[in-house]
Amino acid sequence: MRIGIIGCGHIAEKMARTVHMTGHTLYAVASRTQEKADRFASRFEAEHAYGSYERLAGDPHVDLVYVAVPHSFHAQVADMCLDQGRHVLVEKAFTSNASEAEPLVRKAERQGLLLAEAIWTRYEPIRTRIDQAVEGGEIGQVCHAEATYFAYLAQKPRLVEPSLAGGSLLDIGIYALNFLLMNLKGDVTEIQSMARLSDKGVDELSSTSLRFSSGAIGSMQTGYTAVSDRSCQIAGSSGWIWVDNVNNPQSVKVYDRDRNFVRDIPVPPQLTGFEYELDSCCAAIKEGRTECPQMPHSEMLRVMRLMDAMRAQWGMVYPWEQ
């Protein structure tokens, strides 16, 4: 398929490499300036370079647009692409809040266009292998899951600036939240969350507990002013599963009730890790679907609503929400 990329930052570079490695065509890239678009296109061998997002969105030869701009612009750019009849894959977080996400989902479904969120852990095949271990009863009844993601990113504008929908939650905390939602069944019935806000009013550190209708409880901790091992675990009545690296699992181990090591769950090889979301989107387009099964619209909206609820408990609002 012919892929267009809007935004020319680091994450766009990874997708550009992925497009080539998977045999698709990097048809076009777009930036706010022609110079930056030209430089990116030359480096990654894109066929076309556009100095505006609108020009790429309006190109009828683009089969799928990957949106890789800051969170605060996701809704605006995705909406523009849908208006031009483009299928869209939006980098996580899907939007800055649920009120932005809901009309986009309705529009995509009404127009019969694919609209997906690029939260790669939802698409990686290790997710299915963990599911099989849990559903097969290997650790008994699941009672609790925990995920931690701290990374020192205080020098990154996208983390610290309210105008870019900054804070740790939408950028890295979203991985911890998705881990809980993938591994604990049922609806979230209660949220208890606290955060330390920066001088600019975005979350530097946070800790959240979620109660699920299944009876299980999940906990997540995240922040951009500290570092951690990014590990997570699923605790059951007869054992537990430990995962190394919540945002891209590198090792997964099963232990029994007596804390004895049982086995490794093999992690499938990767090209970049982005190939799974890209392949899912291309398959959905060919089949005429508006969503990807690994991250359907209902889950995209659930994640946004839960993050809205956490921010409400913190008293954290973005400038355009005031």
C-alpha atoms as a PDB file:
ATOM      1  CA  MET A   1       0.000   0.000   0.000  1.00  0.00           C
ATOM      2  CA  ARG A   2       0.987   3.630  -0.477  1.00  0.00           C
ATOM      3  CA  ILE A   3       1.629   5.157   2.921  1.00  0.00           C
ATOM      4  CA  GLY A   4       1.705   8.857   3.764  1.00  0.00           C
ATOM      5  CA  ILE A   5       3.290  10.171   6.950  1.00  0.00           C
ATOM      6  CA  ILE A   6       2.302  13.496   8.509  1.00  0.00           C
ATOM      7  CA  GLY A   7       4.975  14.752  10.881  1.00  0.00           C
ATOM      8  CA  CYS A   8       8.714  14.234  10.512  1.00  0.00           C
ATOM      9  CA  GLY A   9       9.939  13.556  14.033  1.00  0.00           C
ATOM     10  CA  HIS A  10      11.627  10.534  15.597  1.00  0.00           C
ATOM     11  CA  ILE A  11       8.509   8.346  15.699  1.00  0.00           C
ATOM     12  CA  ALA A  12       7.837   9.116  12.024  1.00  0.00           C
ATOM     13  CA  GLU A  13      11.349   7.951  11.194  1.00  0.00           C
ATOM     14  CA  LYS A  14      10.640   4.575  12.773  1.00  0.00           C
ATOM     15  CA  MET A  15       7.447   4.197  10.773  1.00  0.00           C
ATOM     16  CA  ALA A  16       9.248   5.203   7.575  1.00  0.00           C
ATOM     17  CA  ARG A  17      11.774   2.414   8.122  1.00  0.00           C
ATOM     18  CA  THR A  18       8.938   0.009   8.871  1.00  0.00           C
ATOM     19  CA  VAL A  19       7.117   0.874   5.647  1.00  0.00           C
ATOM     20  CA  HIS A  20      10.171  -0.034   3.582  1.00  0.00           C
ATOM     21  CA  MET A  21      10.925  -3.181   5.582  1.00  0.00           C
ATOM     22  CA  THR A  22       7.380  -4.518   5.114  1.00  0.00           C
ATOM     23  CA  GLY A  23       7.306  -3.995   1.374  1.00  0.00           C
ATOM     24  CA  HIS A  24       4.845  -1.120   1.334  1.00  0.00           C
ATOM     25  CA  THR A  25       5.486   2.156  -0.484  1.00  0.00           C
ATOM     26  CA  LEU A  26       6.485   5.313   1.366  1.00  0.00           C
ATOM     27  CA  TYR A  27       4.495   7.450  -1.026  1.00  0.00           C
ATOM     28  CA  ALA A  28       4.558  10.837   0.693  1.00  0.00           C
ATOM     29  CA  VAL A  29       5.641  12.724   3.778  1.00  0.00           C
ATOM     30  CA  ALA A  30       4.458  16.082   5.046  1.00  0.00           C
ATOM     31  CA  SER A  31       5.792  18.698   7.419  1.00  0.00           C
ATOM     32  CA  ARG A  32       4.942  22.289   8.241  1.00  0.00           C
ATOM     33  CA  THR A  33       7.861  23.403   6.077  1.00  0.00           C
ATOM     34  CA  GLN A  34       8.911  22.207   2.636  1.00  0.00           C
ATOM     35  CA  GLU A  35      12.549  22.134   3.706  1.00  0.00           C
ATOM     36  CA  LYS A  36      11.927  19.671   6.517  1.00  0.00           C
ATOM     37  CA  ALA A  37       9.690  17.519   4.328  1.00  0.00           C
ATOM     38  CA  ASP A  38      12.313  17.442   1.571  1.00  0.00           C
ATOM     39  CA  ARG A  39      15.030  16.464   4.030  1.00  0.00           C
ATOM     40  CA  PHE A  40      12.931  13.651   5.489  1.00  0.00           C
ATOM     41  CA  ALA A  41      11.855  12.418   2.048  1.00  0.00           C
ATOM     42  CA  SER A  42      15.446  12.315   0.842  1.00  0.00           C
ATOM     43  CA  ARG A  43      16.650  10.449   3.889  1.00  0.00           C
ATOM     44  CA  PHE A  44      13.867   7.840   3.804  1.00  0.00           C
ATOM     45  CA  GLU A  45      13.285   7.672   0.055  1.00  0.00           C
ATOM     46  CA  ALA A  46       9.721   8.949   0.002  1.00  0.00           C
ATOM     47  CA  GLU A  47       8.308   9.571  -3.457  1.00  0.00           C
ATOM     48  CA  HIS A  48       6.716  12.924  -2.580  1.00  0.00           C
ATOM     49  CA  ALA A  49       7.382  15.650  -0.014  1.00  0.00           C
ATOM     50  CA  TYR A  50       4.734  18.185   0.958  1.00  0.00           C
ATOM     51  CA  GLY A  51       5.300  21.395   2.881  1.00  0.00           C
ATOM     52  CA  SER A  52       1.811  21.283   4.389  1.00  0.00           C
ATOM     53  CA  TYR A  53      -0.331  18.622   6.009  1.00  0.00           C
ATOM     54  CA  GLU A  54      -3.274  19.611   3.805  1.00  0.00           C
ATOM     55  CA  ARG A  55      -1.470  18.713   0.592  1.00  0.00           C
ATOM     56  CA  LEU A  56      -0.756  15.179   1.731  1.00  0.00           C
ATOM     57  CA  ALA A  57      -4.291  14.686   3.064  1.00  0.00           C
ATOM     58  CA  GLY A  58      -5.657  15.839  -0.285  1.00  0.00           C
ATOM     59  CA  ASP A  59      -3.538  13.478  -2.382  1.00  0.00           C
ATOM     60  CA  PRO A  60      -5.938  10.781  -3.641  1.00  0.00           C
ATOM     61  CA  HIS A  61      -3.093   8.321  -4.218  1.00  0.00           C
ATOM     62  CA  VAL A  62      -2.400   7.942  -0.466  1.00  0.00           C
ATOM     63  CA  ASP A  63      -3.951   4.712   0.811  1.00  0.00           C
ATOM     64  CA  LEU A  64      -3.197   5.221   4.519  1.00  0.00           C
ATOM     65  CA  VAL A  65      -2.051   8.264   6.481  1.00  0.00           C
ATOM     66  CA  TYR A  66       0.047   7.809   9.606  1.00  0.00           C
ATOM     67  CA  VAL A  67      -0.341  10.836  11.902  1.00  0.00           C
ATOM     68  CA  ALA A  68       2.821  11.476  13.926  1.00  0.00           C
ATOM     69  CA  VAL A  69       2.376  15.023  15.241  1.00  0.00           C
ATOM     70  CA  PRO A  70       2.099  16.100  18.924  1.00  0.00           C
ATOM     71  CA  HIS A  71      -0.985  14.932  20.842  1.00  0.00           C
ATOM     72  CA  SER A  72      -2.627  18.330  20.776  1.00  0.00           C
ATOM     73  CA  PHE A  73      -2.868  18.196  16.967  1.00  0.00           C
ATOM     74  CA  HIS A  74      -4.020  14.595  16.554  1.00  0.00           C
ATOM     75  CA  ALA A  75      -7.742  15.349  16.376  1.00  0.00           C
ATOM     76  CA  GLN A  76      -7.379  18.249  13.971  1.00  0.00           C
ATOM     77  CA  VAL A  77      -5.098  16.393  11.560  1.00  0.00           C
ATOM     78  CA  ALA A  78      -7.070  13.133  11.698  1.00  0.00           C
ATOM     79  CA  ASP A  79     -10.306  15.013  11.048  1.00  0.00           C
ATOM     80  CA  MET A  80      -8.765  16.745   8.033  1.00  0.00           C
ATOM     81  CA  CYS A  81      -7.628  13.408   6.621  1.00  0.00           C
ATOM     82  CA  LEU A  82     -11.052  11.829   7.086  1.00  0.00           C
ATOM     83  CA  ASP A  83     -12.658  14.803   5.350  1.00  0.00           C
ATOM     84  CA  GLN A  84     -10.400  14.107   2.368  1.00  0.00           C
ATOM     85  CA  GLY A  85     -11.392  10.436   2.282  1.00  0.00           C
ATOM     86  CA  ARG A  86      -8.163   9.052   3.700  1.00  0.00           C
ATOM     87  CA  HIS A  87      -7.805   6.028   5.964  1.00  0.00           C
ATOM     88  CA  VAL A  88      -5.946   7.079   9.130  1.00  0.00           C
ATOM     89  CA  LEU A  89      -3.612   5.541  11.708  1.00  0.00           C
ATOM     90  CA  VAL A  90      -3.067   8.001  14.567  1.00  0.00           C
ATOM     91  CA  GLU A  91      -0.095   7.701  16.896  1.00  0.00           C
ATOM     92  CA  LYS A  92      -0.995   7.222  20.558  1.00  0.00           C
ATOM     93  CA  ALA A  93      -2.516   8.857  22.476  1.00  0.00           C
ATOM     94  CA  PHE A  94      -5.354   8.871  19.964  1.00  0.00           C
ATOM     95  CA  THR A  95      -6.462  12.385  20.943  1.00  0.00           C
ATOM     96  CA  SER A  96      -6.045  14.613  23.980  1.00  0.00           C
ATOM     97  CA  ASN A  97      -9.480  13.743  25.399  1.00  0.00           C
ATOM     98  CA  ALA A  98     -12.628  11.732  24.724  1.00  0.00           C
ATOM     99  CA  SER A  99     -14.640  14.693  23.449  1.00  0.00           C
ATOM    100  CA  GLU A 100     -12.158  14.968  20.573  1.00  0.00           C
ATOM    101  CA  ALA A 101     -12.108  11.217  19.951  1.00  0.00           C
ATOM    102  CA  GLU A 102     -15.838  10.500  19.812  1.00  0.00           C
ATOM    103  CA  PRO A 103     -16.754  12.610  16.730  1.00  0.00           C
ATOM    104  CA  LEU A 104     -13.749  11.232  14.842  1.00  0.00           C
ATOM    105  CA  VAL A 105     -14.920   7.670  15.438  1.00  0.00           C
ATOM    106  CA  ARG A 106     -18.467   8.527  14.353  1.00  0.00           C
ATOM    107  CA  LYS A 107     -17.198  10.231  11.192  1.00  0.00           C
ATOM    108  CA  ALA A 108     -14.932   7.313  10.223  1.00  0.00           C
ATOM    109  CA  GLU A 109     -17.736   4.801  10.722  1.00  0.00           C
ATOM    110  CA  ARG A 110     -20.189   6.971   8.799  1.00  0.00           C
ATOM    111  CA  GLN A 111     -17.781   7.365   5.889  1.00  0.00           C
ATOM    112  CA  GLY A 112     -16.567   3.767   5.908  1.00  0.00           C
ATOM    113  CA  LEU A 113     -12.942   4.751   6.522  1.00  0.00           C
ATOM    114  CA  LEU A 114     -10.393   3.016   8.707  1.00  0.00           C
ATOM    115  CA  LEU A 115      -9.499   4.922  11.864  1.00  0.00           C
ATOM    116  CA  ALA A 116      -6.960   3.277  14.162  1.00  0.00           C
ATOM    117  CA  GLU A 117      -4.679   4.107  17.084  1.00  0.00           C
ATOM    118  CA  ALA A 118      -0.996   3.198  16.885  1.00  0.00           C
ATOM    119  CA  ILE A 119      -0.540   1.788  20.376  1.00  0.00           C
ATOM    120  CA  TRP A 120       1.846  -0.926  19.255  1.00  0.00           C
ATOM    121  CA  THR A 121       1.563  -3.179  22.311  1.00  0.00           C
ATOM    122  CA  ARG A 122      -2.039  -3.879  21.355  1.00  0.00           C
ATOM    123  CA  TYR A 123      -0.905  -5.347  18.035  1.00  0.00           C
ATOM    124  CA  GLU A 124       2.263  -7.215  18.991  1.00  0.00           C
ATOM    125  CA  PRO A 125       1.814 -11.017  18.924  1.00  0.00           C
ATOM    126  CA  ILE A 126       3.256 -11.433  22.429  1.00  0.00           C
ATOM    127  CA  ARG A 127      -0.074 -10.053  23.632  1.00  0.00           C
ATOM    128  CA  THR A 128      -1.843 -13.125  22.208  1.00  0.00           C
ATOM    129  CA  ARG A 129       0.682 -15.471  23.836  1.00  0.00           C
ATOM    130  CA  ILE A 130       0.148 -13.856  27.244  1.00  0.00           C
ATOM    131  CA  ASP A 131      -3.620 -14.088  26.736  1.00  0.00           C
ATOM    132  CA  GLN A 132      -3.323 -17.789  25.947  1.00  0.00           C
ATOM    133  CA  ALA A 133      -1.342 -18.433  29.124  1.00  0.00           C
ATOM    134  CA  VAL A 134      -3.851 -16.549  31.270  1.00  0.00           C
ATOM    135  CA  GLU A 135      -6.955 -17.953  29.618  1.00  0.00           C
ATOM    136  CA  GLY A 136      -5.455 -21.443  29.781  1.00  0.00           C
ATOM    137  CA  GLY A 137      -5.435 -21.174  33.574  1.00  0.00           C
ATOM    138  CA  GLU A 138      -1.675 -21.249  33.895  1.00  0.00           C
ATOM    139  CA  ILE A 139      -1.686 -18.778  36.808  1.00  0.00           C
ATOM    140  CA  GLY A 140      -5.173 -19.519  38.091  1.00  0.00           C
ATOM    141  CA  GLN A 141      -7.706 -16.767  38.680  1.00  0.00           C
ATOM    142  CA  VAL A 142      -6.254 -13.355  37.879  1.00  0.00           C
ATOM    143  CA  CYS A 143      -6.499 -11.045  40.879  1.00  0.00           C
ATOM    144  CA  HIS A 144      -4.192  -8.141  40.178  1.00  0.00           C
ATOM    145  CA  ALA A 145      -1.991  -6.554  37.528  1.00  0.00           C
ATOM    146  CA  GLU A 146       0.613  -3.851  37.949  1.00  0.00           C
ATOM    147  CA  ALA A 147       2.484  -1.752  35.399  1.00  0.00           C
ATOM    148  CA  THR A 148       5.167   0.872  35.892  1.00  0.00           C
ATOM    149  CA  TYR A 149       6.694   3.205  33.341  1.00  0.00           C
ATOM    150  CA  PHE A 150       9.043   5.972  34.433  1.00  0.00           C
ATOM    151  CA  ALA A 151      11.420   7.608  31.960  1.00  0.00           C
ATOM    152  CA  TYR A 152      13.417  10.801  32.408  1.00  0.00           C
ATOM    153  CA  LEU A 153      11.974  12.981  29.649  1.00  0.00           C
ATOM    154  CA  ALA A 154      11.860  16.363  31.353  1.00  0.00           C
ATOM    155  CA  GLN A 155      13.854  17.847  28.478  1.00  0.00           C
ATOM    156  CA  LYS A 156      11.190  16.945  25.881  1.00  0.00           C
ATOM    157  CA  PRO A 157       8.726  19.749  25.005  1.00  0.00           C
ATOM    158  CA  ARG A 158       5.974  17.229  24.197  1.00  0.00           C
ATOM    159  CA  LEU A 159       6.110  16.052  27.836  1.00  0.00           C
ATOM    160  CA  VAL A 160       6.284  19.372  29.629  1.00  0.00           C
ATOM    161  CA  GLU A 161       4.233  21.814  27.555  1.00  0.00           C
ATOM    162  CA  PRO A 162       0.487  22.072  28.232  1.00  0.00           C
ATOM    163  CA  SER A 163       0.000  23.428  24.684  1.00  0.00           C
ATOM    164  CA  LEU A 164       1.200  20.044  23.346  1.00  0.00           C
ATOM    165  CA  ALA A 165      -1.058  18.023  25.685  1.00  0.00           C
ATOM    166  CA  GLY A 166       2.001  17.314  27.810  1.00  0.00           C
ATOM    167  CA  GLY A 167       2.408  15.200  30.900  1.00  0.00           C
ATOM    168  CA  SER A 168       3.441  11.609  31.392  1.00  0.00           C
ATOM    169  CA  LEU A 169      -0.021  10.030  31.135  1.00  0.00           C
ATOM    170  CA  LEU A 170      -0.754  10.509  27.435  1.00  0.00           C
ATOM    171  CA  ASP A 171       2.816   9.862  26.355  1.00  0.00           C
ATOM    172  CA  ILE A 172       4.089   6.941  28.434  1.00  0.00           C
ATOM    173  CA  GLY A 173       1.464   6.231  31.101  1.00  0.00           C
ATOM    174  CA  ILE A 174      -0.875   5.112  28.348  1.00  0.00           C
ATOM    175  CA  TYR A 175       1.238   1.968  27.972  1.00  0.00           C
ATOM    176  CA  ALA A 176       0.705   1.043  31.610  1.00  0.00           C
ATOM    177  CA  LEU A 177      -3.028   1.690  31.306  1.00  0.00           C
ATOM    178  CA  ASN A 178      -3.315  -0.443  28.182  1.00  0.00           C
ATOM    179  CA  PHE A 179      -1.431  -3.254  29.901  1.00  0.00           C
ATOM    180  CA  LEU A 180      -4.026  -3.301  32.683  1.00  0.00           C
ATOM    181  CA  LEU A 181      -6.943  -3.179  30.255  1.00  0.00           C
ATOM    182  CA  MET A 182      -5.521  -6.004  28.137  1.00  0.00           C
ATOM    183  CA  ASN A 183      -5.015  -8.299  31.116  1.00  0.00           C
ATOM    184  CA  LEU A 184      -7.845  -7.552  33.540  1.00  0.00           C
ATOM    185  CA  LYS A 185     -11.316  -8.405  32.323  1.00  0.00           C
ATOM    186  CA  GLY A 186     -14.537  -6.493  32.779  1.00  0.00           C
ATOM    187  CA  ASP A 187     -15.462  -2.854  33.141  1.00  0.00           C
ATOM    188  CA  VAL A 188     -13.606  -0.381  35.314  1.00  0.00           C
ATOM    189  CA  THR A 189     -15.958   0.388  38.187  1.00  0.00           C
ATOM    190  CA  GLU A 190     -13.766   2.638  40.352  1.00  0.00           C
ATOM    191  CA  ILE A 191     -10.714   4.853  39.886  1.00  0.00           C
ATOM    192  CA  GLN A 192      -8.484   6.291  42.594  1.00  0.00           C
ATOM    193  CA  SER A 193      -5.690   8.423  41.213  1.00  0.00           C
ATOM    194  CA  MET A 194      -3.202  11.011  42.417  1.00  0.00           C
ATOM    195  CA  ALA A 195      -0.541  13.027  40.637  1.00  0.00           C
ATOM    196  CA  ARG A 196       2.189  15.571  41.177  1.00  0.00           C
ATOM    197  CA  LEU A 197       1.740  18.393  38.702  1.00  0.00           C
ATOM    198  CA  SER A 198       4.565  20.488  37.359  1.00  0.00           C
ATOM    199  CA  ASP A 199       4.783  24.271  37.621  1.00  0.00           C
ATOM    200  CA  LYS A 200       3.167  24.343  34.177  1.00  0.00           C
ATOM    201  CA  GLY A 201       0.301  22.157  35.339  1.00  0.00           C
ATOM    202  CA  VAL A 202       1.012  18.781  33.705  1.00  0.00           C
ATOM    203  CA  ASP A 203       1.526  15.443  35.445  1.00  0.00           C
ATOM    204  CA  GLU A 204       5.154  14.737  36.319  1.00  0.00           C
ATOM    205  CA  LEU A 205       4.319  11.667  38.421  1.00  0.00           C
ATOM    206  CA  SER A 206       1.134   9.729  39.021  1.00  0.00           C
ATOM    207  CA  SER A 207      -0.182   6.624  40.730  1.00  0.00           C
ATOM    208  CA  THR A 208      -3.561   5.084  39.921  1.00  0.00           C
ATOM    209  CA  SER A 209      -5.621   2.122  41.116  1.00  0.00           C
ATOM    210  CA  LEU A 210      -8.468   0.692  39.040  1.00  0.00           C
ATOM    211  CA  ARG A 211     -11.164  -1.699  40.275  1.00  0.00           C
ATOM    212  CA  PHE A 212     -12.666  -4.020  37.647  1.00  0.00           C
ATOM    213  CA  SER A 213     -16.092  -5.649  37.585  1.00  0.00           C
ATOM    214  CA  SER A 214     -14.334  -9.037  37.582  1.00  0.00           C
ATOM    215  CA  GLY A 215     -13.116  -8.264  41.110  1.00  0.00           C
ATOM    216  CA  ALA A 216      -9.531  -7.732  40.009  1.00  0.00           C
ATOM    217  CA  ILE A 217      -7.591  -4.577  40.844  1.00  0.00           C
ATOM    218  CA  GLY A 218      -4.968  -2.927  38.674  1.00  0.00           C
ATOM    219  CA  SER A 219      -2.317  -0.422  39.651  1.00  0.00           C
ATOM    220  CA  MET A 220      -0.151   1.788  37.468  1.00  0.00           C
ATOM    221  CA  GLN A 221       2.602   4.289  38.141  1.00  0.00           C
ATOM    222  CA  THR A 222       4.163   6.622  35.623  1.00  0.00           C
ATOM    223  CA  GLY A 223       6.270   9.744  35.382  1.00  0.00           C
ATOM    224  CA  TYR A 224       8.761  11.704  33.304  1.00  0.00           C
ATOM    225  CA  THR A 225      11.035  12.945  36.121  1.00  0.00           C
ATOM    226  CA  ALA A 226      12.300   9.531  37.252  1.00  0.00           C
ATOM    227  CA  VAL A 227      13.458   6.229  35.783  1.00  0.00           C
ATOM    228  CA  SER A 228      12.441   2.621  36.407  1.00  0.00           C
ATOM    229  CA  ASP A 229      12.770  -0.840  34.894  1.00  0.00           C
ATOM    230  CA  ARG A 230       9.341  -0.557  33.164  1.00  0.00           C
ATOM    231  CA  SER A 231       8.379  -4.009  34.388  1.00  0.00           C
ATOM    232  CA  CYS A 232       4.844  -5.264  34.892  1.00  0.00           C
ATOM    233  CA  GLN A 233       3.159  -8.379  36.209  1.00  0.00           C
ATOM    234  CA  ILE A 234      -0.113 -10.284  36.311  1.00  0.00           C
ATOM    235  CA  ALA A 235      -0.844 -11.966  39.660  1.00  0.00           C
ATOM    236  CA  GLY A 236      -3.074 -15.033  39.861  1.00  0.00           C
ATOM    237  CA  SER A 237      -4.245 -17.480  42.487  1.00  0.00           C
ATOM    238  CA  SER A 238      -1.691 -20.118  41.462  1.00  0.00           C
ATOM    239  CA  GLY A 239       1.149 -18.103  39.970  1.00  0.00           C
ATOM    240  CA  TRP A 240       2.137 -14.955  38.158  1.00  0.00           C
ATOM    241  CA  ILE A 241       3.474 -13.652  34.858  1.00  0.00           C
ATOM    242  CA  TRP A 242       6.320 -11.147  34.818  1.00  0.00           C
ATOM    243  CA  VAL A 243       6.901  -8.926  31.780  1.00  0.00           C
ATOM    244  CA  ASP A 244      10.052  -6.974  31.063  1.00  0.00           C
ATOM    245  CA  ASN A 245       9.301  -3.603  29.441  1.00  0.00           C
ATOM    246  CA  VAL A 246       5.663  -2.550  29.416  1.00  0.00           C
ATOM    247  CA  ASN A 247       5.934  -0.558  26.183  1.00  0.00           C
ATOM    248  CA  ASN A 248       7.616  -3.321  24.145  1.00  0.00           C
ATOM    249  CA  PRO A 249       7.965  -6.640  25.984  1.00  0.00           C
ATOM    250  CA  GLN A 250      11.442  -8.168  25.738  1.00  0.00           C
ATOM    251  CA  SER A 251      11.041 -11.107  28.098  1.00  0.00           C
ATOM    252  CA  VAL A 252       7.999 -12.823  29.626  1.00  0.00           C
ATOM    253  CA  LYS A 253       8.301 -15.391  32.441  1.00  0.00           C
ATOM    254  CA  VAL A 254       5.781 -17.571  34.247  1.00  0.00           C
ATOM    255  CA  TYR A 255       6.158 -18.483  37.951  1.00  0.00           C
ATOM    256  CA  ASP A 256       4.112 -20.836  40.109  1.00  0.00           C
ATOM    257  CA  ARG A 257       2.501 -20.265  43.504  1.00  0.00           C
ATOM    258  CA  ASP A 258       5.751 -21.101  45.298  1.00  0.00           C
ATOM    259  CA  ARG A 259       7.662 -18.534  43.222  1.00  0.00           C
ATOM    260  CA  ASN A 260       9.390 -21.224  41.197  1.00  0.00           C
ATOM    261  CA  PHE A 261      10.216 -20.394  37.596  1.00  0.00           C
ATOM    262  CA  VAL A 262       7.987 -22.406  35.246  1.00  0.00           C
ATOM    263  CA  ARG A 263       8.808 -21.273  31.724  1.00  0.00           C
ATOM    264  CA  ASP A 264       9.565 -18.441  29.352  1.00  0.00           C
ATOM    265  CA  ILE A 265       6.863 -17.294  26.975  1.00  0.00           C
ATOM    266  CA  PRO A 266       8.840 -16.699  23.764  1.00  0.00           C
ATOM    267  CA  VAL A 267       8.648 -13.151  22.411  1.00  0.00           C
ATOM    268  CA  PRO A 268       8.277 -13.204  18.598  1.00  0.00           C
ATOM    269  CA  PRO A 269      10.979 -11.405  16.616  1.00  0.00           C
ATOM    270  CA  GLN A 270      10.438  -7.886  15.336  1.00  0.00           C
ATOM    271  CA  LEU A 271      11.521  -5.741  12.447  1.00  0.00           C
ATOM    272  CA  THR A 272      10.796  -2.517  14.350  1.00  0.00           C
ATOM    273  CA  GLY A 273       7.673  -3.567  16.259  1.00  0.00           C
ATOM    274  CA  PHE A 274       5.541  -1.194  14.204  1.00  0.00           C
ATOM    275  CA  GLU A 275       5.008  -3.772  11.465  1.00  0.00           C
ATOM    276  CA  TYR A 276       2.143  -5.415  13.349  1.00  0.00           C
ATOM    277  CA  GLU A 277      -0.015  -2.284  13.559  1.00  0.00           C
ATOM    278  CA  LEU A 278       0.773  -1.413   9.955  1.00  0.00           C
ATOM    279  CA  ASP A 279      -0.130  -4.891   8.723  1.00  0.00           C
ATOM    280  CA  SER A 280      -3.358  -4.838  10.734  1.00  0.00           C
ATOM    281  CA  CYS A 281      -4.385  -1.513   9.212  1.00  0.00           C
ATOM    282  CA  CYS A 282      -3.624  -2.643   5.669  1.00  0.00           C
ATOM    283  CA  ALA A 283      -5.613  -5.845   6.181  1.00  0.00           C
ATOM    284  CA  ALA A 284      -8.563  -3.875   7.576  1.00  0.00           C
ATOM    285  CA  ILE A 285      -8.549  -1.513   4.588  1.00  0.00           C
ATOM    286  CA  LYS A 286      -8.511  -4.420   2.128  1.00  0.00           C
ATOM    287  CA  GLU A 287     -11.417  -6.031   3.974  1.00  0.00           C
ATOM    288  CA  GLY A 288     -13.438  -2.801   4.125  1.00  0.00           C
ATOM    289  CA  ARG A 289     -13.367  -2.512   7.927  1.00  0.00           C
ATOM    290  CA  THR A 290     -13.309   0.774   9.847  1.00  0.00           C
ATOM    291  CA  GLU A 291     -11.376  -0.527  12.856  1.00  0.00           C
ATOM    292  CA  CYS A 292      -8.622  -2.961  13.764  1.00  0.00           C
ATOM    293  CA  PRO A 293      -9.604  -5.965  15.899  1.00  0.00           C
ATOM    294  CA  GLN A 294      -6.582  -5.545  18.176  1.00  0.00           C
ATOM    295  CA  MET A 295      -7.636  -1.992  19.136  1.00  0.00           C
ATOM    296  CA  PRO A 296     -11.296  -1.443  18.201  1.00  0.00           C
ATOM    297  CA  HIS A 297     -12.994   1.924  18.469  1.00  0.00           C
ATOM    298  CA  SER A 298     -14.672   0.925  21.736  1.00  0.00           C
ATOM    299  CA  GLU A 299     -11.271   0.402  23.370  1.00  0.00           C
ATOM    300  CA  MET A 300      -9.818   3.585  21.896  1.00  0.00           C
ATOM    301  CA  LEU A 301     -12.682   5.511  23.489  1.00  0.00           C
ATOM    302  CA  ARG A 302     -12.478   3.608  26.780  1.00  0.00           C
ATOM    303  CA  VAL A 303      -8.801   4.525  27.160  1.00  0.00           C
ATOM    304  CA  MET A 304      -9.519   8.200  26.456  1.00  0.00           C
ATOM    305  CA  ARG A 305     -12.408   8.302  28.948  1.00  0.00           C
ATOM    306  CA  LEU A 306     -10.329   6.661  31.671  1.00  0.00           C
ATOM    307  CA  MET A 307      -7.484   9.120  31.166  1.00  0.00           C
ATOM    308  CA  ASP A 308     -10.012  11.969  31.285  1.00  0.00           C
ATOM    309  CA  ALA A 309     -11.269  10.606  34.602  1.00  0.00           C
ATOM    310  CA  MET A 310      -7.743  10.428  36.025  1.00  0.00           C
ATOM    311  CA  ARG A 311      -6.986  13.992  34.983  1.00  0.00           C
ATOM    312  CA  ALA A 312     -10.265  15.136  36.505  1.00  0.00           C
ATOM    313  CA  GLN A 313      -9.171  13.760  39.874  1.00  0.00           C
ATOM    314  CA  TRP A 314      -5.896  15.651  39.526  1.00  0.00           C
ATOM    315  CA  GLY A 315      -7.555  18.890  38.467  1.00  0.00           C
ATOM    316  CA  MET A 316      -5.452  18.873  35.299  1.00  0.00           C
ATOM    317  CA  VAL A 317      -6.869  20.548  32.189  1.00  0.00           C
ATOM    318  CA  TYR A 318      -5.321  21.501  28.880  1.00  0.00           C
ATOM    319  CA  PRO A 319      -5.569  25.115  27.677  1.00  0.00           C
ATOM    320  CA  TRP A 320      -8.275  24.362  25.067  1.00  0.00           C
ATOM    321  CA  GLU A 321     -10.415  22.568  27.667  1.00  0.00           C
ATOM    322  CA  GLN A 322     -10.757  25.600  29.940  1.00  0.00           C
END
